[in-house]
PDB file of N, CA and C in Angstrom:
ATOM      1  N   MET A   1       5.626 -24.036   3.101  1.00  0.00           N
ATOM      2  CA  MET A   1       7.530 -22.835   2.774  1.00  0.00           C
ATOM      3  C   MET A   1       7.396 -22.428   1.683  1.00  0.00           C
ATOM      4  N   ALA A   2       6.019 -21.523   0.794  1.00  0.00           N
ATOM      5  CA  ALA A   2       6.506 -20.742   0.395  1.00  0.00           C
ATOM      6  C   ALA A   2       6.970 -19.019   1.141  1.00  0.00           C
ATOM      7  N   ALA A   3       6.182 -19.627   2.501  1.00  0.00           N
ATOM      8  CA  ALA A   3       6.241 -18.385   3.588  1.00  0.00           C
ATOM      9  C   ALA A   3       6.979 -18.046   3.874  1.00  0.00           C
ATOM     10  N   ILE A   4       7.493 -19.511   4.236  1.00  0.00           N
ATOM     11  CA  ILE A   4       9.067 -18.954   4.778  1.00  0.00           C
ATOM     12  C   ILE A   4      10.156 -18.228   3.671  1.00  0.00           C
ATOM     13  N   MET A   5       9.918 -19.502   2.771  1.00  0.00           N
ATOM     14  CA  MET A   5      10.698 -18.341   1.435  1.00  0.00           C
ATOM     15  C   MET A   5      11.096 -16.474   1.021  1.00  0.00           C
ATOM     16  N   VAL A   6       9.188 -15.950   0.934  1.00  0.00           N
ATOM     17  CA  VAL A   6       8.984 -14.920   0.795  1.00  0.00           C
ATOM     18  C   VAL A   6       9.860 -14.169   2.555  1.00  0.00           C
ATOM     19  N   THR A   7       9.586 -14.700   3.607  1.00  0.00           N
ATOM     20  CA  THR A   7      10.326 -14.247   4.921  1.00  0.00           C
ATOM     21  C   THR A   7      11.590 -13.912   4.641  1.00  0.00           C
ATOM     22  N   THR A   8      12.241 -15.114   4.035  1.00  0.00           N
ATOM     23  CA  THR A   8      13.357 -14.844   4.499  1.00  0.00           C
ATOM     24  C   THR A   8      14.317 -14.047   3.199  1.00  0.00           C
ATOM     25  N   VAL A   9      13.784 -14.006   2.176  1.00  0.00           N
ATOM     26  CA  VAL A   9      14.058 -12.646   0.548  1.00  0.00           C
ATOM     27  C   VAL A   9      14.029 -11.868   1.553  1.00  0.00           C
ATOM     28  N   HIS A  10      12.470 -11.170   2.315  1.00  0.00           N
ATOM     29  CA  HIS A  10      12.883  -9.559   2.349  1.00  0.00           C
ATOM     30  C   HIS A  10      12.104  -9.629   3.358  1.00  0.00           C
ATOM     31  N   GLY A  11      13.085 -10.699   4.229  1.00  0.00           N
ATOM     32  CA  GLY A  11      13.593  -9.666   6.351  1.00  0.00           C
ATOM     33  C   GLY A  11      12.463 -10.261   6.921  1.00  0.00           C
ATOM     34  N   GLN A  12      12.794  -9.869   7.916  1.00  0.00           N
ATOM     35  CA  GLN A  12      11.743  -9.544   9.587  1.00  0.00           C
ATOM     36  C   GLN A  12      10.028  -8.747   8.277  1.00  0.00           C
ATOM     37  N   GLY A  13       9.796  -8.226   7.672  1.00  0.00           N
ATOM     38  CA  GLY A  13       8.863  -7.116   7.601  1.00  0.00           C
ATOM     39  C   GLY A  13       7.873  -7.565   8.463  1.00  0.00           C
ATOM     40  N   THR A  14       7.127  -6.305   8.677  1.00  0.00           N
ATOM     41  CA  THR A  14       6.150  -6.079   9.204  1.00  0.00           C
ATOM     42  C   THR A  14       5.495  -6.830  10.148  1.00  0.00           C
ATOM     43  N   ARG A  15       4.843  -6.392  11.247  1.00  0.00           N
ATOM     44  CA  ARG A  15       3.785  -6.610  12.458  1.00  0.00           C
ATOM     45  C   ARG A  15       3.169  -6.053  13.299  1.00  0.00           C
ATOM     46  N   VAL A  16       2.156  -6.475  13.522  1.00  0.00           N
ATOM     47  CA  VAL A  16       0.785  -5.698  14.036  1.00  0.00           C
ATOM     48  C   VAL A  16       2.194  -4.942  15.479  1.00  0.00           C
ATOM     49  N   GLY A  17       1.226  -3.490  15.370  1.00  0.00           N
ATOM     50  CA  GLY A  17       2.530  -2.934  16.275  1.00  0.00           C
ATOM     51  C   GLY A  17       3.629  -2.632  15.997  1.00  0.00           C
ATOM     52  N   PHE A  18       4.176  -3.343  14.931  1.00  0.00           N
ATOM     53  CA  PHE A  18       5.358  -2.148  14.035  1.00  0.00           C
ATOM     54  C   PHE A  18       5.500  -1.295  14.865  1.00  0.00           C
ATOM     55  N   TYR A  19       4.386  -0.264  14.494  1.00  0.00           N
ATOM     56  CA  TYR A  19       4.445   1.066  14.452  1.00  0.00           C
ATOM     57  C   TYR A  19       4.190   2.099  15.688  1.00  0.00           C
ATOM     58  N   SER A  20       3.884   0.322  16.346  1.00  0.00           N
ATOM     59  CA  SER A  20       3.338   1.051  17.823  1.00  0.00           C
ATOM     60  C   SER A  20       4.138   2.266  18.655  1.00  0.00           C
ATOM     61  N   THR A  21       5.165   2.443  18.214  1.00  0.00           N
ATOM     62  CA  THR A  21       6.784   3.852  19.038  1.00  0.00           C
ATOM     63  C   THR A  21       6.089   5.116  17.854  1.00  0.00           C
ATOM     64  N   SER A  22       6.428   5.262  16.869  1.00  0.00           N
ATOM     65  CA  SER A  22       5.549   6.193  16.561  1.00  0.00           C
ATOM     66  C   SER A  22       4.709   6.584  15.485  1.00  0.00           C
ATOM     67  N   CYS A  23       3.758   5.601  15.329  1.00  0.00           N
ATOM     68  CA  CYS A  23       2.797   6.113  15.482  1.00  0.00           C
ATOM     69  C   CYS A  23       1.682   5.220  15.839  1.00  0.00           C
ATOM     70  N   PRO A  24       1.157   5.086  16.815  1.00  0.00           N
ATOM     71  CA  PRO A  24       0.032   4.039  17.227  1.00  0.00           C
ATOM     72  C   PRO A  24      -0.720   3.641  16.993  1.00  0.00           C
ATOM     73  N   ARG A  25      -1.539   4.533  16.170  1.00  0.00           N
ATOM     74  CA  ARG A  25      -2.958   4.576  15.812  1.00  0.00           C
ATOM     75  C   ARG A  25      -2.612   4.020  13.972  1.00  0.00           C
ATOM     76  N   VAL A  26      -1.552   3.538  13.711  1.00  0.00           N
ATOM     77  CA  VAL A  26      -1.341   3.386  12.538  1.00  0.00           C
ATOM     78  C   VAL A  26      -2.216   2.338  11.769  1.00  0.00           C
ATOM     79  N   GLU A  27      -2.468   1.179  12.239  1.00  0.00           N
ATOM     80  CA  GLU A  27      -3.663   0.239  12.302  1.00  0.00           C
ATOM     81  C   GLU A  27      -5.046   1.120  11.947  1.00  0.00           C
ATOM     82  N   THR A  28      -5.288   1.506  12.569  1.00  0.00           N
ATOM     83  CA  THR A  28      -6.424   1.848  13.578  1.00  0.00           C
ATOM     84  C   THR A  28      -6.988   2.724  11.913  1.00  0.00           C
ATOM     85  N   ILE A  29      -5.771   4.265  11.769  1.00  0.00           N
ATOM     86  CA  ILE A  29      -5.747   4.871  10.365  1.00  0.00           C
ATOM     87  C   ILE A  29      -5.975   4.101   9.133  1.00  0.00           C
ATOM     88  N   VAL A  30      -5.562   2.895   8.914  1.00  0.00           N
ATOM     89  CA  VAL A  30      -5.195   2.756   7.717  1.00  0.00           C
ATOM     90  C   VAL A  30      -6.733   1.375   7.654  1.00  0.00           C
ATOM     91  N   ARG A  31      -6.811   1.195   8.323  1.00  0.00           N
ATOM     92  CA  ARG A  31      -8.054   0.289   8.100  1.00  0.00           C
ATOM     93  C   ARG A  31      -9.579   1.351   8.074  1.00  0.00           C
ATOM     94  N   SER A  32      -9.934   2.167   8.580  1.00  0.00           N
ATOM     95  CA  SER A  32     -10.883   2.907   8.946  1.00  0.00           C
ATOM     96  C   SER A  32     -10.573   3.532   6.750  1.00  0.00           C
ATOM     97  N   ALA A  33      -9.223   4.230   6.398  1.00  0.00           N
ATOM     98  CA  ALA A  33      -9.275   4.720   4.664  1.00  0.00           C
ATOM     99  C   ALA A  33      -9.213   3.601   4.007  1.00  0.00           C
ATOM    100  N   VAL A  34      -9.131   2.912   4.564  1.00  0.00           N
ATOM    101  CA  VAL A  34      -9.620   1.591   3.575  1.00  0.00           C
ATOM    102  C   VAL A  34     -10.565   0.902   3.831  1.00  0.00           C
ATOM    103  N   GLN A  35     -11.534   0.902   4.322  1.00  0.00           N
ATOM    104  CA  GLN A  35     -13.007   0.275   4.734  1.00  0.00           C
ATOM    105  C   GLN A  35     -13.394   1.691   4.393  1.00  0.00           C
ATOM    106  N   SER A  36     -13.408   2.269   4.552  1.00  0.00           N
ATOM    107  CA  SER A  36     -14.757   3.437   3.569  1.00  0.00           C
ATOM    108  C   SER A  36     -15.339   3.310   2.544  1.00  0.00           C
ATOM    109  N   PRO A  37     -13.753   3.210   1.765  1.00  0.00           N
ATOM    110  CA  PRO A  37     -14.212   3.341   0.135  1.00  0.00           C
ATOM    111  C   PRO A  37     -14.498   1.662  -0.347  1.00  0.00           C
ATOM    112  N   PHE A  38     -13.925   0.679   0.669  1.00  0.00           N
ATOM    113  CA  PHE A  38     -14.239  -0.253   0.016  1.00  0.00           C
ATOM    114  C   PHE A  38     -15.896  -0.780   0.800  1.00  0.00           C
ATOM    115  N   ASN A  39     -16.659  -0.191   1.628  1.00  0.00           N
ATOM    116  CA  ASN A  39     -18.192   0.047   1.878  1.00  0.00           C
ATOM    117  C   ASN A  39     -18.387   0.099   0.596  1.00  0.00           C
ATOM    118  N   SER A  40     -18.087   1.191   0.209  1.00  0.00           N
ATOM    119  CA  SER A  40     -19.401   2.514  -0.744  1.00  0.00           C
ATOM    120  C   SER A  40     -18.765   1.934  -2.135  1.00  0.00           C
ATOM    121  N   ASP A  41     -17.494   1.321  -3.070  1.00  0.00           N
ATOM    122  CA  ASP A  41     -17.303   0.366  -4.356  1.00  0.00           C
ATOM    123  C   ASP A  41     -16.804  -0.675  -4.029  1.00  0.00           C
ATOM    124  N   SER A  42     -17.207  -1.534  -4.607  1.00  0.00           N
ATOM    125  CA  SER A  42     -17.029  -3.111  -5.195  1.00  0.00           C
ATOM    126  C   SER A  42     -15.454  -2.996  -6.302  1.00  0.00           C
ATOM    127  N   THR A  43     -15.367  -2.381  -6.153  1.00  0.00           N
ATOM    128  CA  THR A  43     -14.015  -2.517  -7.059  1.00  0.00           C
ATOM    129  C   THR A  43     -12.281  -2.064  -6.500  1.00  0.00           C
ATOM    130  N   VAL A  44     -12.859  -1.295  -5.124  1.00  0.00           N
ATOM    131  CA  VAL A  44     -11.897  -1.037  -3.886  1.00  0.00           C
ATOM    132  C   VAL A  44     -10.592  -1.981  -3.923  1.00  0.00           C
ATOM    133  N   ALA A  45     -11.891  -3.472  -3.894  1.00  0.00           N
ATOM    134  CA  ALA A  45     -10.483  -4.149  -2.931  1.00  0.00           C
ATOM    135  C   ALA A  45      -9.954  -4.624  -4.765  1.00  0.00           C
ATOM    136  N   ALA A  46     -10.461  -5.746  -5.038  1.00  0.00           N
ATOM    137  CA  ALA A  46      -9.699  -5.743  -6.684  1.00  0.00           C
ATOM    138  C   ALA A  46      -8.333  -4.275  -7.318  1.00  0.00           C
ATOM    139  N   GLY A  47      -9.072  -3.283  -7.194  1.00  0.00           N
ATOM    140  CA  GLY A  47      -7.826  -2.555  -7.337  1.00  0.00           C
ATOM    141  C   GLY A  47      -6.336  -1.965  -6.417  1.00  0.00           C
ATOM    142  N   LEU A  48      -6.947  -2.881  -5.822  1.00  0.00           N
ATOM    143  CA  LEU A  48      -5.671  -2.428  -4.475  1.00  0.00           C
ATOM    144  C   LEU A  48      -5.018  -3.955  -4.814  1.00  0.00           C
ATOM    145  N   LEU A  49      -5.773  -5.444  -4.658  1.00  0.00           N
ATOM    146  CA  LEU A  49      -4.506  -6.587  -5.087  1.00  0.00           C
ATOM    147  C   LEU A  49      -4.133  -6.249  -6.838  1.00  0.00           C
ATOM    148  N   ARG A  50      -4.655  -5.768  -7.398  1.00  0.00           N
ATOM    149  CA  ARG A  50      -4.079  -5.311  -9.527  1.00  0.00           C
ATOM    150  C   ARG A  50      -2.342  -4.691  -8.716  1.00  0.00           C
ATOM    151  N   MET A  51      -3.256  -3.324  -7.827  1.00  0.00           N
ATOM    152  CA  MET A  51      -1.719  -2.703  -7.735  1.00  0.00           C
ATOM    153  C   MET A  51      -0.447  -3.306  -7.069  1.00  0.00           C
ATOM    154  N   HIS A  52      -1.190  -4.165  -5.973  1.00  0.00           N
ATOM    155  CA  HIS A  52      -0.323  -5.230  -5.458  1.00  0.00           C
ATOM    156  C   HIS A  52       0.452  -5.855  -6.103  1.00  0.00           C
ATOM    157  N   PHE A  53      -0.075  -6.679  -7.026  1.00  0.00           N
ATOM    158  CA  PHE A  53       0.276  -7.468  -7.991  1.00  0.00           C
ATOM    159  C   PHE A  53       1.712  -6.820  -9.291  1.00  0.00           C
ATOM    160  N   HIS A  54       1.356  -5.264  -9.551  1.00  0.00           N
ATOM    161  CA  HIS A  54       2.284  -4.680 -10.841  1.00  0.00           C
ATOM    162  C   HIS A  54       3.059  -3.947  -9.749  1.00  0.00           C
ATOM    163  N   ASP A  55       2.656  -4.463  -8.863  1.00  0.00           N
ATOM    164  CA  ASP A  55       4.178  -3.137  -8.156  1.00  0.00           C
ATOM    165  C   ASP A  55       4.668  -4.545  -8.025  1.00  0.00           C
ATOM    166  N   CYS A  56       4.125  -5.849  -7.245  1.00  0.00           N
ATOM    167  CA  CYS A  56       5.320  -7.026  -7.018  1.00  0.00           C
ATOM    168  C   CYS A  56       5.970  -7.428  -8.175  1.00  0.00           C
ATOM    169  N   PHE A  57       4.867  -7.755  -8.919  1.00  0.00           N
ATOM    170  CA  PHE A  57       5.716  -8.363 -10.345  1.00  0.00           C
ATOM    171  C   PHE A  57       6.627  -7.437 -10.951  1.00  0.00           C
ATOM    172  N   VAL A  58       7.348  -6.287 -11.329  1.00  0.00           N
ATOM    173  CA  VAL A  58       7.992  -5.305 -11.100  1.00  0.00           C
ATOM    174  C   VAL A  58       9.692  -5.572 -11.166  1.00  0.00           C
ATOM    175  N   GLN A  59       8.869  -5.817 -10.596  1.00  0.00           N
ATOM    176  CA  GLN A  59      11.558  -5.237  -9.198  1.00  0.00           C
ATOM    177  C   GLN A  59      10.718  -5.692  -8.430  1.00  0.00           C
ATOM    178  N   GLY A  60       9.910  -6.878  -7.895  1.00  0.00           N
ATOM    179  CA  GLY A  60       9.744  -6.621  -6.225  1.00  0.00           C
ATOM    180  C   GLY A  60       8.286  -5.701  -5.816  1.00  0.00           C
ATOM    181  N   CYS A  61       8.058  -5.952  -4.464  1.00  0.00           N
ATOM    182  CA  CYS A  61       6.749  -5.769  -3.524  1.00  0.00           C
ATOM    183  C   CYS A  61       7.760  -4.381  -2.578  1.00  0.00           C
ATOM    184  N   ASP A  62       7.769  -3.762  -3.973  1.00  0.00           N
ATOM    185  CA  ASP A  62       8.324  -2.355  -3.044  1.00  0.00           C
ATOM    186  C   ASP A  62       8.502  -1.069  -2.581  1.00  0.00           C
ATOM    187  N   GLY A  63       6.597  -1.318  -3.233  1.00  0.00           N
ATOM    188  CA  GLY A  63       6.092   0.223  -3.358  1.00  0.00           C
ATOM    189  C   GLY A  63       5.944   1.668  -4.558  1.00  0.00           C
ATOM    190  N   SER A  64       7.188   1.120  -5.405  1.00  0.00           N
ATOM    191  CA  SER A  64       8.152   2.049  -5.759  1.00  0.00           C
ATOM    192  C   SER A  64       6.725   2.460  -7.090  1.00  0.00           C
ATOM    193  N   VAL A  65       5.223   1.466  -7.351  1.00  0.00           N
ATOM    194  CA  VAL A  65       4.102   1.904  -7.988  1.00  0.00           C
ATOM    195  C   VAL A  65       3.259   2.740  -7.642  1.00  0.00           C
ATOM    196  N   LEU A  66       3.803   3.141  -6.838  1.00  0.00           N
ATOM    197  CA  LEU A  66       2.230   4.194  -5.306  1.00  0.00           C
ATOM    198  C   LEU A  66       3.645   5.420  -6.201  1.00  0.00           C
ATOM    199  N   ILE A  67       5.033   5.328  -6.010  1.00  0.00           N
ATOM    200  CA  ILE A  67       5.732   6.859  -6.565  1.00  0.00           C
ATOM    201  C   ILE A  67       4.937   8.008  -7.687  1.00  0.00           C
ATOM    202  N   SER A  68       4.697   8.570  -8.002  1.00  0.00           N
ATOM    203  CA  SER A  68       4.119   9.702  -8.880  1.00  0.00           C
ATOM    204  C   SER A  68       4.787  10.885  -8.705  1.00  0.00           C
ATOM    205  N   GLY A  69       4.889  10.601 -10.322  1.00  0.00           N
ATOM    206  CA  GLY A  69       6.012  11.424 -11.496  1.00  0.00           C
ATOM    207  C   GLY A  69       6.065  11.139 -13.189  1.00  0.00           C
ATOM    208  N   ALA A  70       6.984  11.862 -13.588  1.00  0.00           N
ATOM    209  CA  ALA A  70       7.338  11.653 -15.068  1.00  0.00           C
ATOM    210  C   ALA A  70       7.805  10.320 -14.890  1.00  0.00           C
ATOM    211  N   GLY A  71       7.701   9.134 -16.055  1.00  0.00           N
ATOM    212  CA  GLY A  71       8.954   8.160 -15.997  1.00  0.00           C
ATOM    213  C   GLY A  71       8.866   7.052 -14.260  1.00  0.00           C
ATOM    214  N   THR A  72       7.971   7.195 -13.798  1.00  0.00           N
ATOM    215  CA  THR A  72       8.054   6.010 -12.632  1.00  0.00           C
ATOM    216  C   THR A  72       6.910   5.206 -13.145  1.00  0.00           C
ATOM    217  N   GLU A  73       7.506   4.053 -12.208  1.00  0.00           N
ATOM    218  CA  GLU A  73       5.952   3.072 -13.306  1.00  0.00           C
ATOM    219  C   GLU A  73       4.976   3.379 -11.683  1.00  0.00           C
ATOM    220  N   ARG A  74       4.405   3.988 -12.183  1.00  0.00           N
ATOM    221  CA  ARG A  74       3.572   4.470 -11.905  1.00  0.00           C
ATOM    222  C   ARG A  74       2.781   5.043 -12.939  1.00  0.00           C
ATOM    223  N   THR A  75       3.669   6.021 -13.677  1.00  0.00           N
ATOM    224  CA  THR A  75       3.245   6.400 -15.158  1.00  0.00           C
ATOM    225  C   THR A  75       3.631   5.633 -16.567  1.00  0.00           C
ATOM    226  N   ALA A  76       3.760   4.110 -16.222  1.00  0.00           N
ATOM    227  CA  ALA A  76       3.854   3.651 -16.809  1.00  0.00           C
ATOM    228  C   ALA A  76       2.794   2.860 -17.757  1.00  0.00           C
ATOM    229  N   ILE A  77       2.968   2.729 -19.816  1.00  0.00           N
ATOM    230  CA  ILE A  77       1.333   2.573 -19.824  1.00  0.00           C
ATOM    231  C   ILE A  77       0.339   1.299 -19.057  1.00  0.00           C
ATOM    232  N   PRO A  78       0.944   0.461 -18.564  1.00  0.00           N
ATOM    233  CA  PRO A  78       0.406  -1.005 -18.498  1.00  0.00           C
ATOM    234  C   PRO A  78       0.000  -0.274 -16.158  1.00  0.00           C
ATOM    235  N   ASN A  79       0.338   0.359 -15.850  1.00  0.00           N
ATOM    236  CA  ASN A  79       0.011   0.594 -14.921  1.00  0.00           C
ATOM    237  C   ASN A  79      -0.724   1.905 -15.074  1.00  0.00           C
ATOM    238  N   LEU A  80      -1.675   2.642 -15.745  1.00  0.00           N
ATOM    239  CA  LEU A  80      -2.194   3.827 -16.174  1.00  0.00           C
ATOM    240  C   LEU A  80      -3.917   3.349 -15.787  1.00  0.00           C
ATOM    241  N   SER A  81      -4.030   2.223 -16.157  1.00  0.00           N
ATOM    242  CA  SER A  81      -5.386   1.995 -15.545  1.00  0.00           C
ATOM    243  C   SER A  81      -5.720   1.195 -14.224  1.00  0.00           C
ATOM    244  N   LEU A  82      -4.544   1.240 -13.153  1.00  0.00           N
ATOM    245  CA  LEU A  82      -4.682   1.407 -11.948  1.00  0.00           C
ATOM    246  C   LEU A  82      -5.218   1.466 -11.371  1.00  0.00           C
ATOM    247  N   ASN A  83      -6.577   0.948 -10.199  1.00  0.00           N
ATOM    248  CA  ASN A  83      -6.908   1.399  -9.618  1.00  0.00           C
ATOM    249  C   ASN A  83      -6.813   1.977  -7.660  1.00  0.00           C
ATOM    250  N   GLY A  84      -6.961   2.556  -7.127  1.00  0.00           N
ATOM    251  CA  GLY A  84      -6.976   2.189  -6.442  1.00  0.00           C
ATOM    252  C   GLY A  84      -5.797   3.853  -5.100  1.00  0.00           C
ATOM    253  N   PHE A  85      -4.906   4.343  -5.839  1.00  0.00           N
ATOM    254  CA  PHE A  85      -4.306   5.225  -5.711  1.00  0.00           C
ATOM    255  C   PHE A  85      -4.723   6.456  -5.063  1.00  0.00           C
ATOM    256  N   THR A  86      -6.309   6.820  -4.716  1.00  0.00           N
ATOM    257  CA  THR A  86      -6.347   7.270  -3.987  1.00  0.00           C
ATOM    258  C   THR A  86      -6.911   6.844  -3.048  1.00  0.00           C
ATOM    259  N   VAL A  87      -7.088   6.007  -2.817  1.00  0.00           N
ATOM    260  CA  VAL A  87      -7.860   5.127  -1.490  1.00  0.00           C
ATOM    261  C   VAL A  87      -5.957   5.515  -0.594  1.00  0.00           C
ATOM    262  N   ILE A  88      -4.633   4.610  -0.832  1.00  0.00           N
ATOM    263  CA  ILE A  88      -3.418   4.953  -0.864  1.00  0.00           C
ATOM    264  C   ILE A  88      -2.590   6.259  -0.002  1.00  0.00           C
ATOM    265  N   ASP A  89      -3.196   7.230  -1.086  1.00  0.00           N
ATOM    266  CA  ASP A  89      -3.237   8.697  -0.845  1.00  0.00           C
ATOM    267  C   ASP A  89      -3.848   9.501   0.241  1.00  0.00           C
ATOM    268  N   ASP A  90      -5.051   8.780   0.461  1.00  0.00           N
ATOM    269  CA  ASP A  90      -5.896   9.045   1.199  1.00  0.00           C
ATOM    270  C   ASP A  90      -4.982   8.803   2.448  1.00  0.00           C
ATOM    271  N   ALA A  91      -4.597   7.420   2.997  1.00  0.00           N
ATOM    272  CA  ALA A  91      -4.271   6.878   4.051  1.00  0.00           C
ATOM    273  C   ALA A  91      -3.252   7.235   4.639  1.00  0.00           C
ATOM    274  N   LYS A  92      -2.506   7.313   3.140  1.00  0.00           N
ATOM    275  CA  LYS A  92      -1.097   8.161   3.584  1.00  0.00           C
ATOM    276  C   LYS A  92      -1.449   9.658   4.215  1.00  0.00           C
ATOM    277  N   THR A  93      -1.886  10.398   3.669  1.00  0.00           N
ATOM    278  CA  THR A  93      -2.215  11.837   4.028  1.00  0.00           C
ATOM    279  C   THR A  93      -2.876  11.794   5.809  1.00  0.00           C
ATOM    280  N   GLN A  94      -3.828  10.284   5.772  1.00  0.00           N
ATOM    281  CA  GLN A  94      -4.072  10.388   7.751  1.00  0.00           C
ATOM    282  C   GLN A  94      -2.801  10.762   8.224  1.00  0.00           C
ATOM    283  N   LEU A  95      -2.117   9.142   7.625  1.00  0.00           N
ATOM    284  CA  LEU A  95      -0.764   8.637   8.813  1.00  0.00           C
ATOM    285  C   LEU A  95      -0.210  10.126   9.202  1.00  0.00           C
ATOM    286  N   ASP A  96       0.379  10.707   8.150  1.00  0.00           N
ATOM    287  CA  ASP A  96       0.851  12.175   7.363  1.00  0.00           C
ATOM    288  C   ASP A  96       0.307  13.175   8.834  1.00  0.00           C
ATOM    289  N   ASN A  97      -0.425  13.540   9.037  1.00  0.00           N
ATOM    290  CA  ASN A  97      -1.443  14.006   9.812  1.00  0.00           C
ATOM    291  C   ASN A  97      -1.437  13.182  11.510  1.00  0.00           C
ATOM    292  N   GLN A  98      -1.028  12.301  11.891  1.00  0.00           N
ATOM    293  CA  GLN A  98      -0.872  11.984  12.783  1.00  0.00           C
ATOM    294  C   GLN A  98       0.464  11.456  13.194  1.00  0.00           C
ATOM    295  N   THR A  99       1.437  10.915  12.501  1.00  0.00           N
ATOM    296  CA  THR A  99       2.311  10.477  13.085  1.00  0.00           C
ATOM    297  C   THR A  99       3.739  11.656  13.368  1.00  0.00           C
ATOM    298  N   LYS A 100       3.896  11.370  13.864  1.00  0.00           N
ATOM    299  CA  LYS A 100       5.529  11.924  14.649  1.00  0.00           C
ATOM    300  C   LYS A 100       6.591  11.521  13.847  1.00  0.00           C
ATOM    301  N   HIS A 101       6.989  13.164  13.675  1.00  0.00           N
ATOM    302  CA  HIS A 101       8.077  13.840  12.753  1.00  0.00           C
ATOM    303  C   HIS A 101       9.375  13.859  13.537  1.00  0.00           C
TER     304      HIS A 101
END
């Protein structure tokens, strides 16, 4: 029931293959970008989960905690101790290098 409500509230969402036209290797790139630090640092998974929680708790799961700059959620006092930004930033850089613009 909760899964149905989340899908209803957040719309269609993404699925494996969602970006198959614009970035066919997206799943492979993200998996690699996350798996490497995950394997070398046991705190990465917890950091990413905590970041997701902080993002969803404030204004819904919109990724706004990932936006850097003065006055953003990322720089808000409760979020200053979040870990995992480097993992996300690295994945984004790798995707930007591979994605058609």
